[in-house]
């Protein structure tokens, strides 16, 4: 354990999800369709990583831009209840939102508004004190945090990012891909080319580990020390899958919790798989987080079962 105040600083990625449950991920005939009650959830990728890590017992802080609006009030109230250290700046563009359709099998499709302009940046005077007090920094691909990498290197802080459904080409994602020490992505953006994308991240960037999650197919692991692409099957969550919102963020928190404890990459990926599977058993975005005790117990079961 270092003398840093925080194990993990999450930068960017808070918002609100409106989740609509549907029979199928398609538009029905006509101009309206009755659905189960629609709910708003404190959500988005940074939220999932920060709250998941907080629940796992990691000393976690979170900083971001939010609007001056009801969605921001919903978010800040939730973090106050959780006891999660959170600091924000007010964006005139408002709080990011998404509308997520979730089908009967728990699969989802998200419409994300991405309202922050590409020119928006977190001021150095705001983020630097948090970097100085943190052991590791996770950067969501929000854009406003893209200037943090020089200070991370100067301070000797490690970093991670989640590229989500990157196609391997978009330059916005590439900036995070080549500058982070741990890189997560989903195979959804490159189902036939994820290995090529993973190897390009190692070849072009500073990452030591790249993980591509593949939903029900498990995940793929590639490290700088091992040329072989490793595949880990998905973990049985022990309960029905009802909603995959937030599963990728939960995977990141499980992985990081094991990484901070000095576990090898394959063991970290197993921890991520367990945490991600657990998240799929609850409806809504980031409504259920695995605890450290439950994660350790599940990992003991997968090791002996």
Protein backbone atom coordinates (compact mmCIF):
# COMPACT_ATOMS: atom_id res chain seq x y z
CA UNK A 1 0.00 0.00 0.00
CA UNK A 2 1.29 3.41 -0.92
CA UNK A 3 0.93 6.55 1.18
CA UNK A 4 -1.51 8.01 -1.35
CA UNK A 5 -4.90 9.07 -0.04
CA UNK A 6 -6.78 7.27 -2.82
CA UNK A 7 -6.16 3.90 -4.45
CA UNK A 8 -8.18 4.96 -7.47
CA UNK A 9 -9.16 8.25 -9.05
CA UNK A 10 -11.83 8.07 -11.74
CA UNK A 11 -11.90 11.03 -14.12
CA UNK A 12 -15.02 11.61 -16.19
CA UNK A 13 -18.05 9.56 -17.05
CA UNK A 14 -20.98 10.50 -14.79
CA UNK A 15 -24.49 10.85 -16.16
CA UNK A 16 -28.05 9.58 -16.06
CA UNK A 17 -29.48 6.57 -17.90
CA UNK A 18 -33.14 6.30 -18.78
CA UNK A 19 -33.76 2.56 -19.13
CA UNK A 20 -36.64 1.32 -21.27
CA UNK A 21 -37.40 -2.41 -21.15
CA UNK A 22 -38.66 -3.85 -24.44
CA UNK A 23 -39.40 -7.30 -25.82
CA UNK A 24 -36.89 -6.96 -28.64
CA UNK A 25 -34.27 -4.43 -29.72
CA UNK A 26 -36.34 -3.18 -32.62
CA UNK A 27 -38.95 -0.51 -33.31
CA UNK A 28 -42.48 -2.01 -33.30
CA UNK A 29 -45.09 -1.13 -35.89
CA UNK A 30 -47.17 1.98 -35.26
CA UNK A 31 -46.22 5.13 -33.40
CA UNK A 32 -46.40 4.02 -29.76
CA UNK A 33 -45.85 0.92 -27.64
CA UNK A 34 -46.59 0.20 -23.98
CA UNK A 35 -43.57 -0.82 -21.91
CA UNK A 36 -42.88 -1.56 -18.22
CA UNK A 37 -42.18 1.46 -15.97
CA UNK A 38 -39.32 3.62 -17.23
CA UNK A 39 -36.64 4.51 -14.66
CA UNK A 40 -33.77 6.97 -14.43
CA UNK A 41 -30.50 5.71 -12.95
CA UNK A 42 -27.29 7.42 -11.89
CA UNK A 43 -25.02 5.89 -14.48
CA UNK A 44 -22.39 6.04 -17.22
CA UNK A 45 -19.02 4.42 -17.32
CA UNK A 46 -17.09 6.49 -14.77
CA UNK A 47 -19.95 6.15 -12.32
CA UNK A 48 -19.87 2.36 -12.64
CA UNK A 49 -16.12 2.13 -12.11
CA UNK A 50 -16.11 4.58 -9.18
CA UNK A 51 -19.06 3.08 -7.30
CA UNK A 52 -17.98 -0.49 -8.03
CA UNK A 53 -14.48 0.16 -6.72
CA UNK A 54 -15.89 1.99 -3.70
CA UNK A 55 -18.09 -1.01 -2.85
CA UNK A 56 -15.07 -3.30 -3.19
CA UNK A 57 -13.32 -1.34 -0.48
CA UNK A 58 -10.90 0.61 -2.66
CA UNK A 59 -10.26 4.18 -1.54
CA UNK A 60 -11.87 5.86 -4.51
CA UNK A 61 -12.41 9.45 -5.65
CA UNK A 62 -14.33 10.70 -8.69
CA UNK A 63 -14.13 14.03 -10.54
CA UNK A 64 -16.13 15.22 -13.55
CA UNK A 65 -18.18 17.89 -15.27
CA UNK A 66 -21.92 18.00 -14.58
CA UNK A 67 -24.59 20.48 -15.50
CA UNK A 68 -26.60 22.72 -13.22
CA UNK A 69 -29.75 20.66 -13.61
CA UNK A 70 -31.95 18.02 -11.92
CA UNK A 71 -29.77 15.21 -13.29
CA UNK A 72 -26.74 16.65 -11.50
CA UNK A 73 -28.72 16.85 -8.27
CA UNK A 74 -29.67 13.19 -8.66
CA UNK A 75 -26.02 12.22 -9.11
CA UNK A 76 -24.55 14.27 -6.28
CA UNK A 77 -27.22 13.06 -3.85
CA UNK A 78 -26.45 9.45 -4.74
CA UNK A 79 -22.72 9.92 -4.11
CA UNK A 80 -23.40 11.65 -0.81
CA UNK A 81 -25.47 8.63 0.31
CA UNK A 82 -22.69 6.28 -0.77
CA UNK A 83 -19.96 8.30 0.91
CA UNK A 84 -18.04 8.48 -2.38
CA UNK A 85 -15.66 11.47 -2.55
CA UNK A 86 -16.84 13.42 -5.61
CA UNK A 87 -15.90 16.83 -6.99
CA UNK A 88 -17.39 18.48 -10.05
CA UNK A 89 -17.22 21.54 -12.22
CA UNK A 90 -20.38 22.94 -13.79
CA UNK A 91 -20.69 22.54 -17.53
CA UNK A 92 -23.00 24.94 -19.36
CA UNK A 93 -23.86 22.05 -21.68
CA UNK A 94 -25.64 20.11 -18.94
CA UNK A 95 -25.32 16.63 -17.52
CA UNK A 96 -24.81 13.80 -20.05
CA UNK A 97 -27.72 11.43 -20.55
CA UNK A 98 -28.44 8.14 -22.28
CA UNK A 99 -31.55 6.23 -23.23
CA UNK A 100 -30.95 2.49 -23.06
CA UNK A 101 -33.23 -0.15 -24.52
CA UNK A 102 -33.02 -3.49 -22.71
CA UNK A 103 -34.61 -6.62 -24.18
CA UNK A 104 -36.04 -9.70 -22.48
CA UNK A 105 -32.63 -11.44 -22.51
CA UNK A 106 -30.92 -8.50 -20.82
CA UNK A 107 -29.14 -7.25 -23.95
CA UNK A 108 -29.04 -3.49 -24.33
CA UNK A 109 -28.59 -0.76 -26.91
CA UNK A 110 -27.66 2.73 -25.71
CA UNK A 111 -28.40 6.13 -27.25
CA UNK A 112 -25.80 8.42 -25.64
CA UNK A 113 -26.12 12.17 -26.11
CA UNK A 114 -22.41 13.03 -25.80
CA UNK A 115 -23.28 16.65 -25.14
CA UNK A 116 -19.88 17.87 -23.95
CA UNK A 117 -18.09 19.58 -26.88
CA UNK A 118 -14.74 18.24 -28.07
CA UNK A 119 -13.03 21.44 -26.89
CA UNK A 120 -14.07 21.06 -23.24
CA UNK A 121 -11.18 20.38 -20.82
CA UNK A 122 -10.81 19.94 -17.08
CA UNK A 123 -8.58 22.75 -15.76
CA UNK A 124 -5.21 21.57 -14.49
CA UNK A 125 -5.72 23.51 -11.26
CA UNK A 126 -8.81 21.36 -10.62
CA UNK A 127 -7.52 17.87 -11.42
CA UNK A 128 -3.85 18.08 -10.38
CA UNK A 129 -4.42 17.95 -6.57
CA UNK A 130 -6.40 14.73 -7.08
CA UNK A 131 -3.70 13.17 -9.26
CA UNK A 132 -1.11 13.96 -6.63
CA UNK A 133 -3.15 12.11 -3.98
CA UNK A 134 -3.99 9.01 -6.04
CA UNK A 135 -2.18 5.76 -6.70
CA UNK A 136 -3.91 4.93 -10.01
CA UNK A 137 -6.12 6.94 -12.38
CA UNK A 138 -8.88 5.58 -14.59
CA UNK A 139 -9.79 7.88 -17.48
CA UNK A 140 -13.18 7.54 -19.13
CA UNK A 141 -13.13 8.42 -22.84
CA UNK A 142 -15.01 11.68 -22.27
CA UNK A 143 -12.48 13.95 -23.99
CA UNK A 144 -12.30 16.61 -21.29
CA UNK A 145 -9.63 14.57 -19.45
CA UNK A 146 -7.37 13.85 -22.42
CA UNK A 147 -4.69 16.33 -21.29
CA UNK A 148 -3.93 14.49 -18.01
CA UNK A 149 -1.39 12.00 -19.38
CA UNK A 150 1.75 14.20 -19.16
CA UNK A 151 1.06 14.88 -15.48
CA UNK A 152 0.34 11.19 -14.86
CA UNK A 153 3.74 10.27 -16.24
CA UNK A 154 5.52 13.07 -14.40
CA UNK A 155 3.98 11.93 -11.13
CA UNK A 156 4.64 8.24 -11.83
CA UNK A 157 0.95 7.33 -11.66
CA UNK A 158 -0.39 4.33 -13.57
CA UNK A 159 -3.54 4.68 -15.65
CA UNK A 160 -6.32 2.69 -17.25
CA UNK A 161 -9.11 3.33 -19.71
CA UNK A 162 -12.11 1.57 -21.24
CA UNK A 163 -12.48 2.11 -25.00
CA UNK A 164 -15.88 0.38 -25.11
CA UNK A 165 -16.87 -0.54 -28.69
CA UNK A 166 -13.80 0.96 -30.41
CA UNK A 167 -13.40 -0.04 -34.04
CA UNK A 168 -9.61 0.33 -33.90
CA UNK A 169 -9.66 3.44 -36.08
CA UNK A 170 -11.42 6.34 -34.34
CA UNK A 171 -8.65 8.79 -33.33
CA UNK A 172 -10.53 9.97 -30.25
CA UNK A 173 -10.29 6.49 -28.71
CA UNK A 174 -6.76 5.94 -30.00
CA UNK A 175 -5.44 8.75 -27.82
CA UNK A 176 -6.54 6.85 -24.72
CA UNK A 177 -5.51 3.49 -26.16
CA UNK A 178 -1.86 4.39 -26.69
CA UNK A 179 -1.38 6.44 -23.51
CA UNK A 180 -2.87 4.15 -20.84
CA UNK A 181 -1.10 1.36 -18.94
CA UNK A 182 -4.14 -0.93 -18.78
CA UNK A 183 -6.62 -0.92 -21.65
CA UNK A 184 -10.11 -2.42 -21.71
CA UNK A 185 -12.42 -2.61 -24.71
CA UNK A 186 -15.39 -4.54 -26.01
CA UNK A 187 -15.35 -6.82 -29.05
CA UNK A 188 -18.67 -5.23 -30.10
CA UNK A 189 -16.91 -2.59 -32.19
CA UNK A 190 -14.61 -5.04 -33.97
CA UNK A 191 -16.13 -8.55 -33.70
CA UNK A 192 -13.91 -9.96 -36.43
CA UNK A 193 -10.80 -7.92 -35.73
CA UNK A 194 -10.46 -7.57 -31.97
CA UNK A 195 -7.17 -9.49 -31.82
CA UNK A 196 -5.65 -7.18 -34.41
CA UNK A 197 -6.83 -4.15 -32.44
CA UNK A 198 -5.50 -5.57 -29.17
CA UNK A 199 -2.10 -6.28 -30.67
CA UNK A 200 -1.94 -2.81 -32.23
CA UNK A 201 -2.55 -1.25 -28.79
CA UNK A 202 0.44 -3.13 -27.37
CA UNK A 203 2.58 -2.35 -30.41
CA UNK A 204 1.79 1.37 -30.61
CA UNK A 205 1.22 2.31 -26.97
CA UNK A 206 2.49 1.89 -23.43
CA UNK A 207 -0.04 -0.67 -22.19
CA UNK A 208 1.20 -3.82 -20.47
CA UNK A 209 -2.23 -5.50 -20.54
CA UNK A 210 -5.16 -5.32 -22.97
CA UNK A 211 -8.51 -6.99 -22.27
CA UNK A 212 -11.40 -7.33 -24.72
CA UNK A 213 -14.70 -8.30 -23.13
CA UNK A 214 -17.12 -10.30 -25.25
CA UNK A 215 -20.30 -10.55 -23.20
CA UNK A 216 -21.61 -14.11 -22.95
CA UNK A 217 -18.50 -15.32 -24.79
CA UNK A 218 -16.24 -14.25 -21.93
CA UNK A 219 -13.13 -12.14 -22.49
CA UNK A 220 -9.78 -12.14 -24.26
CA UNK A 221 -6.48 -11.21 -22.59
CA UNK A 222 -3.22 -10.10 -24.16
CA UNK A 223 -0.10 -9.01 -22.26
CA UNK A 224 3.21 -7.54 -23.29
CA UNK A 225 5.02 -10.46 -21.62
CA UNK A 226 3.08 -13.22 -23.41
CA UNK A 227 2.44 -13.34 -27.15
CA UNK A 228 -0.47 -15.77 -26.76
CA UNK A 229 -4.03 -14.47 -26.81
CA UNK A 230 -5.82 -15.96 -23.81
CA UNK A 231 -9.56 -16.63 -23.73
CA UNK A 232 -11.54 -16.87 -20.50
CA UNK A 233 -15.12 -18.14 -20.70
CA UNK A 234 -17.92 -16.17 -19.11
CA UNK A 235 -18.72 -16.89 -15.46
CA UNK A 236 -22.09 -18.30 -14.45
CA UNK A 237 -23.59 -15.54 -12.27
CA UNK A 238 -25.68 -18.05 -10.35
CA UNK A 239 -28.88 -16.14 -11.12
CA UNK A 240 -30.79 -15.14 -14.27
CA UNK A 241 -29.27 -12.44 -16.48
CA UNK A 242 -31.77 -9.59 -16.54
CA UNK A 243 -29.74 -6.55 -17.61
CA UNK A 244 -26.22 -6.15 -19.06
CA UNK A 245 -26.06 -2.40 -18.40
CA UNK A 246 -22.87 -1.70 -16.45
CA UNK A 247 -21.36 -5.18 -16.81
CA UNK A 248 -18.25 -3.84 -18.54
CA UNK A 249 -17.67 -1.24 -15.83
CA UNK A 250 -18.05 -3.94 -13.17
CA UNK A 251 -15.48 -6.04 -15.03
CA UNK A 252 -13.01 -3.14 -14.81
CA UNK A 253 -13.52 -2.78 -11.05
CA UNK A 254 -13.06 -6.49 -10.43
CA UNK A 255 -9.91 -6.50 -12.53
CA UNK A 256 -8.45 -3.44 -10.82
CA UNK A 257 -9.19 -4.73 -7.33
CA UNK A 258 -7.12 -7.84 -8.06
CA UNK A 259 -4.45 -5.82 -9.89
CA UNK A 260 -3.92 -3.57 -6.88
CA UNK A 261 -3.36 -6.71 -4.80
CA UNK A 262 -0.55 -7.83 -7.07
CA UNK A 263 -2.44 -10.63 -8.83
CA UNK A 264 -1.26 -11.77 -12.29
CA UNK A 265 -3.28 -10.59 -15.31
CA UNK A 266 -5.13 -13.89 -15.80
CA UNK A 267 -6.32 -13.85 -12.18
CA UNK A 268 -7.34 -10.21 -12.55
CA UNK A 269 -9.41 -11.09 -15.61
CA UNK A 270 -11.15 -13.84 -13.65
CA UNK A 271 -12.01 -11.33 -10.94
CA UNK A 272 -13.35 -8.99 -13.60
CA UNK A 273 -15.48 -11.76 -15.10
CA UNK A 274 -17.03 -12.56 -11.72
CA UNK A 275 -17.81 -8.90 -10.99
CA UNK A 276 -19.23 -8.38 -14.48
CA UNK A 277 -21.46 -11.44 -14.24
CA UNK A 278 -22.79 -10.30 -10.87
CA UNK A 279 -23.81 -6.94 -12.35
CA UNK A 280 -26.00 -8.69 -14.94
CA UNK A 281 -28.32 -10.14 -12.29
CA UNK A 282 -29.96 -6.82 -11.33
CA UNK A 283 -32.20 -4.61 -13.43
CA UNK A 284 -31.05 -1.07 -14.23
CA UNK A 285 -27.65 0.54 -14.56
CA UNK A 286 -25.19 0.19 -11.67
CA UNK A 287 -27.81 -0.93 -9.16
CA UNK A 288 -25.89 -3.94 -7.80
CA UNK A 289 -22.19 -4.14 -6.99
CA UNK A 290 -20.33 -7.19 -5.76
CA UNK A 291 -18.59 -6.89 -2.40
CA UNK A 292 -14.98 -7.84 -1.73
CA UNK A 293 -16.06 -10.83 0.38
CA UNK A 294 -18.45 -12.09 -2.29
CA UNK A 295 -15.83 -11.63 -4.99
CA UNK A 296 -13.21 -13.56 -3.03
CA UNK A 297 -15.70 -16.31 -2.29
CA UNK A 298 -16.71 -16.63 -5.92
CA UNK A 299 -13.09 -16.73 -7.03
CA UNK A 300 -12.37 -19.51 -4.55
CA UNK A 301 -15.28 -21.41 -6.05
CA UNK A 302 -14.05 -21.00 -9.61
CA UNK A 303 -10.57 -22.07 -8.57
CA UNK A 304 -11.78 -25.26 -6.90
CA UNK A 305 -14.96 -26.01 -8.83
